[in-house]
Amino acid sequence: MSHGYDRAALCRGTMTSGMNLAQVAAARARLAELGEDLPAPAVMAAEPVVSVRVCVLAGLLAGALVWLVR
């Protein structure tokens, strides 16, 4: 057993613990291909669909109606 080698490999972060490095390289290449296939992110609208003022007024109206009905 080479415990000294294992400890040094763990410290360097190079211990593969039985991983197939060819599969890792293939997975990285596939991820890079997938990244190229992704569409560009959607552009957000400059103005919101409903303003905050409208939402606050609607909430106040709903609260007033609930208060009147109770």
Protein backbone atom coordinates (compact mmCIF):
# COMPACT_ATOMS: atom_id res chain seq x y z
CA MET A 1 0.00 0.00 0.00
CA SER A 2 1.22 3.47 -0.76
CA HIS A 3 -0.55 5.61 1.80
CA GLY A 4 1.94 8.43 1.30
CA TYR A 5 1.13 8.56 -2.40
CA ASP A 6 -2.63 8.57 -1.73
CA ARG A 7 -2.30 11.36 0.80
CA ALA A 8 -0.20 13.48 -1.58
CA ALA A 9 -2.64 12.84 -4.42
CA LEU A 10 -5.57 13.88 -2.23
CA CYS A 11 -3.77 17.08 -1.25
CA ARG A 12 -3.12 17.96 -4.89
CA GLY A 13 -6.63 16.94 -5.93
CA THR A 14 -5.28 14.49 -8.51
CA MET A 15 -6.52 11.23 -7.04
CA THR A 16 -8.95 9.76 -9.53
CA SER A 17 -10.14 6.81 -7.38
CA GLY A 18 -10.77 4.60 -10.39
CA MET A 19 -12.41 7.18 -12.68
CA ASN A 20 -12.05 6.58 -16.38
CA LEU A 21 -10.28 9.75 -17.52
CA ALA A 22 -11.29 9.14 -21.14
CA GLN A 23 -14.96 9.22 -20.10
CA VAL A 24 -14.37 12.43 -18.16
CA ALA A 25 -12.75 14.05 -21.20
CA ALA A 26 -15.63 12.89 -23.43
CA ALA A 27 -18.20 14.28 -20.97
CA ARG A 28 -16.41 17.64 -20.89
CA ALA A 29 -16.35 17.77 -24.68
CA ARG A 30 -20.07 16.94 -24.82
CA LEU A 31 -20.87 19.67 -22.30
CA ALA A 32 -18.93 22.15 -24.42
CA GLU A 33 -20.97 21.09 -27.47
CA LEU A 34 -24.22 21.50 -25.54
CA GLY A 35 -23.15 24.97 -24.44
CA GLU A 36 -22.69 25.98 -28.08
CA ASP A 37 -26.18 24.71 -28.96
CA LEU A 38 -27.96 26.82 -26.34
CA PRO A 39 -29.96 29.76 -27.68
CA ALA A 40 -29.16 33.30 -26.62
CA PRO A 41 -30.94 34.43 -23.45
CA ALA A 42 -34.21 36.29 -23.92
CA VAL A 43 -34.13 40.04 -23.56
CA MET A 44 -36.30 41.36 -20.75
CA ALA A 45 -38.85 44.06 -21.54
CA ALA A 46 -37.75 47.55 -20.57
CA GLU A 47 -41.05 48.31 -18.86
CA PRO A 48 -42.98 45.85 -16.68
CA VAL A 49 -46.31 44.58 -17.98
CA VAL A 50 -48.17 45.90 -14.92
CA SER A 51 -46.79 48.75 -12.84
CA VAL A 52 -46.37 48.54 -9.09
CA ARG A 53 -48.81 51.42 -8.66
CA VAL A 54 -51.59 49.44 -10.36
CA CYS A 55 -50.90 46.41 -8.16
CA VAL A 56 -51.01 48.51 -4.97
CA LEU A 57 -54.24 50.21 -6.01
CA ALA A 58 -55.83 46.85 -6.88
CA GLY A 59 -54.81 45.48 -3.47
CA LEU A 60 -56.25 48.50 -1.68
CA LEU A 61 -59.51 48.18 -3.62
CA ALA A 62 -59.79 44.47 -2.83
CA GLY A 63 -59.06 45.15 0.85
CA ALA A 64 -61.69 47.90 0.98
CA LEU A 65 -64.28 45.65 -0.62
CA VAL A 66 -63.54 42.84 1.84
CA TRP A 67 -63.79 45.30 4.72
CA LEU A 68 -67.16 46.57 3.48
CA VAL A 69 -68.59 43.08 2.99
CA ARG A 70 -67.52 41.85 6.42
